[in-house]
N, C-alpha and C. Protein backbone atom coordinates (compact mmCIF):
# COMPACT_ATOMS: atom_id res chain seq x y z
N MET A 1 71.40 172.19 44.98
CA MET A 1 72.35 172.25 43.91
C MET A 1 72.32 173.62 43.24
N ARG A 2 71.16 174.24 43.24
CA ARG A 2 71.05 175.56 42.63
C ARG A 2 72.03 176.53 43.26
N ASP A 3 72.09 176.54 44.58
CA ASP A 3 72.93 177.52 45.28
C ASP A 3 74.42 177.23 45.15
N HIS A 4 74.78 176.01 44.77
CA HIS A 4 76.18 175.63 44.61
C HIS A 4 76.53 175.33 43.16
N TYR A 5 75.72 175.79 42.25
CA TYR A 5 75.89 175.47 40.83
C TYR A 5 77.29 175.84 40.33
N ALA A 6 77.80 176.99 40.73
CA ALA A 6 79.13 177.43 40.28
C ALA A 6 80.21 176.46 40.74
N GLU A 7 80.03 175.86 41.92
CA GLU A 7 81.01 174.89 42.41
C GLU A 7 81.03 173.63 41.53
N PHE A 8 79.89 173.26 41.01
CA PHE A 8 79.82 172.11 40.12
C PHE A 8 80.44 172.44 38.77
N THR A 9 80.03 173.55 38.18
CA THR A 9 80.54 173.88 36.84
C THR A 9 82.03 174.18 36.85
N SER A 10 82.55 174.68 37.97
CA SER A 10 83.99 174.94 38.05
C SER A 10 84.80 173.64 38.01
N ARG A 11 84.13 172.52 38.26
CA ARG A 11 84.78 171.21 38.22
C ARG A 11 84.53 170.52 36.88
N GLY A 12 83.96 171.24 35.93
CA GLY A 12 83.69 170.67 34.62
C GLY A 12 82.47 169.79 34.58
N VAL A 13 81.52 170.05 35.47
CA VAL A 13 80.33 169.22 35.61
C VAL A 13 79.09 170.01 35.21
N GLU A 14 78.13 169.31 34.63
CA GLU A 14 76.83 169.91 34.35
C GLU A 14 75.78 169.12 35.10
N ILE A 15 74.75 169.81 35.55
CA ILE A 15 73.65 169.18 36.29
C ILE A 15 72.44 169.07 35.38
N LEU A 16 71.80 167.93 35.44
CA LEU A 16 70.56 167.69 34.70
C LEU A 16 69.57 167.09 35.69
N ALA A 17 68.45 167.75 35.86
CA ALA A 17 67.40 167.25 36.76
C ALA A 17 66.27 166.68 35.91
N VAL A 18 65.90 165.46 36.20
CA VAL A 18 64.83 164.78 35.48
C VAL A 18 63.66 164.62 36.43
N GLY A 19 62.47 164.95 35.95
CA GLY A 19 61.30 164.85 36.82
C GLY A 19 60.08 164.35 36.08
N PRO A 20 59.06 163.95 36.82
CA PRO A 20 57.88 163.33 36.22
C PRO A 20 56.89 164.32 35.61
N ASP A 21 57.09 165.59 35.83
CA ASP A 21 56.14 166.58 35.33
C ASP A 21 56.30 166.83 33.84
N GLY A 22 55.27 167.44 33.25
CA GLY A 22 55.31 167.80 31.84
C GLY A 22 56.09 169.09 31.61
N MET A 23 56.26 169.44 30.36
CA MET A 23 57.06 170.59 29.95
C MET A 23 56.60 171.90 30.60
N GLU A 24 55.31 172.17 30.58
CA GLU A 24 54.81 173.44 31.13
C GLU A 24 55.07 173.56 32.63
N SER A 25 54.85 172.49 33.36
CA SER A 25 55.11 172.51 34.80
C SER A 25 56.59 172.75 35.07
N PHE A 26 57.45 172.10 34.30
CA PHE A 26 58.89 172.29 34.45
C PHE A 26 59.27 173.74 34.19
N LYS A 27 58.77 174.28 33.09
CA LYS A 27 59.11 175.67 32.72
C LYS A 27 58.72 176.64 33.83
N LYS A 28 57.52 176.49 34.34
CA LYS A 28 57.03 177.39 35.40
C LYS A 28 57.88 177.26 36.67
N TYR A 29 58.16 176.02 37.07
CA TYR A 29 58.94 175.80 38.30
C TYR A 29 60.36 176.34 38.13
N TRP A 30 60.99 176.04 37.01
CA TRP A 30 62.37 176.49 36.78
C TRP A 30 62.44 178.03 36.78
N ALA A 31 61.47 178.67 36.16
CA ALA A 31 61.45 180.13 36.14
C ALA A 31 61.19 180.70 37.53
N LYS A 32 60.22 180.15 38.23
CA LYS A 32 59.87 180.63 39.58
C LYS A 32 61.04 180.49 40.55
N GLU A 33 61.75 179.36 40.49
CA GLU A 33 62.84 179.08 41.42
C GLU A 33 64.20 179.55 40.92
N ASN A 34 64.24 180.12 39.69
CA ASN A 34 65.48 180.63 39.11
C ASN A 34 66.58 179.57 39.12
N ILE A 35 66.27 178.40 38.59
CA ILE A 35 67.20 177.28 38.59
C ILE A 35 68.12 177.42 37.37
N PRO A 36 69.45 177.41 37.59
CA PRO A 36 70.39 177.66 36.50
C PRO A 36 70.74 176.45 35.64
N PHE A 37 70.37 175.25 36.07
CA PHE A 37 70.71 174.07 35.28
C PHE A 37 69.49 173.55 34.54
N THR A 38 69.70 172.55 33.72
CA THR A 38 68.67 172.03 32.83
C THR A 38 67.72 171.09 33.54
N GLY A 39 66.45 171.24 33.24
CA GLY A 39 65.42 170.32 33.73
C GLY A 39 64.84 169.55 32.56
N LEU A 40 64.72 168.26 32.72
CA LEU A 40 64.21 167.40 31.67
C LEU A 40 62.90 166.77 32.10
N PRO A 41 61.80 167.14 31.46
CA PRO A 41 60.52 166.51 31.77
C PRO A 41 60.53 165.04 31.34
N ASP A 42 60.00 164.19 32.19
CA ASP A 42 59.93 162.76 31.90
C ASP A 42 58.57 162.20 32.30
N PRO A 43 57.48 162.79 31.76
CA PRO A 43 56.15 162.36 32.19
C PRO A 43 55.80 160.92 31.82
N ASP A 44 56.46 160.38 30.81
CA ASP A 44 56.20 158.99 30.40
C ASP A 44 57.16 158.01 31.08
N HIS A 45 58.02 158.52 31.97
CA HIS A 45 58.92 157.71 32.80
C HIS A 45 59.96 156.92 32.01
N VAL A 46 60.30 157.40 30.82
CA VAL A 46 61.29 156.70 29.99
C VAL A 46 62.66 156.72 30.67
N VAL A 47 63.09 157.89 31.13
CA VAL A 47 64.39 158.00 31.80
C VAL A 47 64.35 157.25 33.13
N ALA A 48 63.26 157.41 33.86
CA ALA A 48 63.13 156.73 35.16
C ALA A 48 63.25 155.21 35.01
N LYS A 49 62.62 154.67 34.00
CA LYS A 49 62.70 153.22 33.77
C LYS A 49 64.11 152.80 33.35
N THR A 50 64.75 153.61 32.53
CA THR A 50 66.10 153.29 32.06
C THR A 50 67.07 153.16 33.23
N TYR A 51 66.95 154.06 34.22
CA TYR A 51 67.86 154.05 35.36
C TYR A 51 67.28 153.35 36.58
N LYS A 52 66.15 152.66 36.37
CA LYS A 52 65.50 151.86 37.41
C LYS A 52 65.16 152.68 38.66
N GLN A 53 64.62 153.87 38.41
CA GLN A 53 64.20 154.72 39.51
C GLN A 53 62.91 154.16 40.11
N GLU A 54 62.88 154.05 41.42
CA GLU A 54 61.72 153.48 42.11
C GLU A 54 60.54 154.44 42.09
N VAL A 55 59.39 153.90 41.81
CA VAL A 55 58.13 154.64 41.93
C VAL A 55 57.35 153.95 43.03
N ASN A 56 57.01 154.71 44.06
CA ASN A 56 56.31 154.16 45.21
C ASN A 56 55.11 155.05 45.50
N LEU A 57 53.94 154.61 45.14
CA LEU A 57 52.74 155.43 45.30
C LEU A 57 52.44 155.73 46.76
N PHE A 58 52.86 154.85 47.67
CA PHE A 58 52.64 155.10 49.10
C PHE A 58 53.54 156.22 49.62
N LYS A 59 54.62 156.50 48.89
CA LYS A 59 55.55 157.58 49.28
C LYS A 59 55.46 158.75 48.31
N LEU A 60 54.31 158.90 47.67
CA LEU A 60 54.00 160.04 46.80
C LEU A 60 54.74 160.05 45.47
N GLY A 61 55.05 158.90 44.92
CA GLY A 61 55.60 158.86 43.56
C GLY A 61 57.04 158.41 43.47
N ARG A 62 57.78 159.09 42.60
CA ARG A 62 59.18 158.71 42.34
C ARG A 62 60.07 158.99 43.54
N MET A 63 60.90 158.04 43.85
CA MET A 63 61.93 158.25 44.87
C MET A 63 63.11 158.94 44.19
N PRO A 64 63.75 159.89 44.86
CA PRO A 64 64.90 160.55 44.24
C PRO A 64 65.99 159.56 43.86
N LEU A 65 66.60 159.82 42.74
CA LEU A 65 67.71 159.03 42.23
C LEU A 65 68.78 160.01 41.79
N ASN A 66 69.96 159.89 42.33
CA ASN A 66 71.05 160.80 42.00
C ASN A 66 72.20 160.02 41.39
N CYS A 67 72.68 160.47 40.24
CA CYS A 67 73.77 159.80 39.54
C CYS A 67 74.83 160.81 39.14
N ILE A 68 76.05 160.33 39.06
CA ILE A 68 77.11 161.08 38.40
C ILE A 68 77.49 160.23 37.20
N VAL A 69 77.34 160.81 36.02
CA VAL A 69 77.61 160.12 34.77
C VAL A 69 78.82 160.79 34.13
N ASP A 70 79.80 159.99 33.71
CA ASP A 70 81.01 160.59 33.12
C ASP A 70 80.77 160.97 31.65
N VAL A 71 81.77 161.58 31.04
CA VAL A 71 81.63 162.07 29.67
C VAL A 71 81.41 160.94 28.66
N ASN A 72 81.72 159.71 29.04
CA ASN A 72 81.49 158.56 28.17
C ASN A 72 80.13 157.92 28.39
N GLY A 73 79.33 158.50 29.29
CA GLY A 73 78.00 157.98 29.56
C GLY A 73 77.94 156.87 30.59
N HIS A 74 79.05 156.64 31.30
CA HIS A 74 79.09 155.60 32.33
C HIS A 74 78.69 156.18 33.68
N ILE A 75 77.83 155.47 34.38
CA ILE A 75 77.46 155.90 35.73
C ILE A 75 78.63 155.62 36.65
N ARG A 76 79.12 156.67 37.32
CA ARG A 76 80.27 156.54 38.21
C ARG A 76 79.86 156.60 39.68
N TYR A 77 78.66 157.08 39.94
CA TYR A 77 78.13 157.16 41.31
C TYR A 77 76.61 157.11 41.18
N ILE A 78 75.97 156.36 42.08
CA ILE A 78 74.51 156.32 42.05
C ILE A 78 73.99 156.19 43.48
N HIS A 79 72.93 156.91 43.75
CA HIS A 79 72.29 156.85 45.06
C HIS A 79 70.79 156.70 44.85
N TYR A 80 70.26 155.54 45.20
CA TYR A 80 68.82 155.29 45.18
C TYR A 80 68.27 155.68 46.55
N SER A 81 67.39 156.63 46.59
CA SER A 81 66.85 157.13 47.86
C SER A 81 65.76 156.23 48.40
N ALA A 82 65.70 156.12 49.71
CA ALA A 82 64.67 155.34 50.39
C ALA A 82 63.42 156.17 50.66
N SER A 83 63.57 157.49 50.60
CA SER A 83 62.43 158.39 50.80
C SER A 83 62.69 159.67 50.02
N ARG A 84 61.70 160.53 49.96
CA ARG A 84 61.84 161.77 49.21
C ARG A 84 62.84 162.73 49.86
N SER A 85 63.12 162.54 51.12
CA SER A 85 64.09 163.42 51.81
C SER A 85 65.50 162.81 51.86
N ASP A 86 65.65 161.61 51.37
CA ASP A 86 66.94 160.91 51.40
C ASP A 86 67.76 161.29 50.16
N ILE A 87 68.37 162.46 50.22
CA ILE A 87 69.16 162.98 49.11
C ILE A 87 70.53 163.36 49.65
N PRO A 88 71.61 162.88 49.03
CA PRO A 88 72.95 163.25 49.49
C PRO A 88 73.14 164.77 49.43
N ASP A 89 73.97 165.29 50.32
CA ASP A 89 74.23 166.73 50.30
C ASP A 89 75.23 167.07 49.18
N ASN A 90 75.32 168.35 48.87
CA ASN A 90 76.20 168.79 47.79
C ASN A 90 77.65 168.42 48.04
N GLU A 91 78.07 168.44 49.30
CA GLU A 91 79.46 168.10 49.62
C GLU A 91 79.78 166.66 49.20
N THR A 92 78.82 165.76 49.32
CA THR A 92 79.02 164.38 48.89
C THR A 92 79.27 164.33 47.40
N PHE A 93 78.42 164.99 46.63
CA PHE A 93 78.59 165.01 45.18
C PHE A 93 79.92 165.64 44.78
N LEU A 94 80.24 166.78 45.39
CA LEU A 94 81.48 167.48 45.05
C LEU A 94 82.70 166.63 45.38
N SER A 95 82.65 165.90 46.48
CA SER A 95 83.75 165.02 46.87
C SER A 95 83.93 163.89 45.86
N VAL A 96 82.83 163.28 45.45
CA VAL A 96 82.91 162.21 44.45
C VAL A 96 83.47 162.76 43.14
N ILE A 97 83.00 163.92 42.73
CA ILE A 97 83.49 164.54 41.49
C ILE A 97 84.99 164.84 41.60
N ASP A 98 85.42 165.36 42.74
CA ASP A 98 86.84 165.63 42.92
C ASP A 98 87.67 164.34 42.84
N GLU A 99 87.17 163.27 43.45
CA GLU A 99 87.88 161.98 43.38
C GLU A 99 87.95 161.46 41.95
N LEU A 100 86.85 161.57 41.22
CA LEU A 100 86.84 161.11 39.82
C LEU A 100 87.78 161.96 38.97
N ASN A 101 87.77 163.27 39.18
CA ASN A 101 88.66 164.15 38.42
C ASN A 101 90.12 163.84 38.73
N ALA A 102 90.43 163.60 40.00
CA ALA A 102 91.81 163.29 40.40
C ALA A 102 92.28 161.96 39.80
N SER A 103 91.39 160.99 39.74
CA SER A 103 91.78 159.66 39.22
C SER A 103 91.91 159.65 37.70
N SER A 104 91.37 160.66 37.04
CA SER A 104 91.44 160.68 35.58
C SER A 104 92.66 161.45 35.07
N LYS A 105 93.47 161.96 35.99
CA LYS A 105 94.66 162.72 35.58
C LYS A 105 95.84 161.82 35.38
């Protein structure tokens, strides 16, 4: 998503990444990787529990969860991953966003 960030923002979308690490770990990683969008530390799993993100210790922790949330706070697309590598590609997200934008006109 970092490399396609401009494609997301040009569609009126903002990206928010939520992770299990604490604030300092997030800050270091975001700076090192030059990530242009917001990272939200969730070490107490409050956000993860709210969106029912799976935690599987046999698969090294939280399974990726990807959502598209509209401006009213409604989830319009959700993908619960079966593994840490099971993440939709950017084209999938951009296509869903384009469909949602077209249907709201």
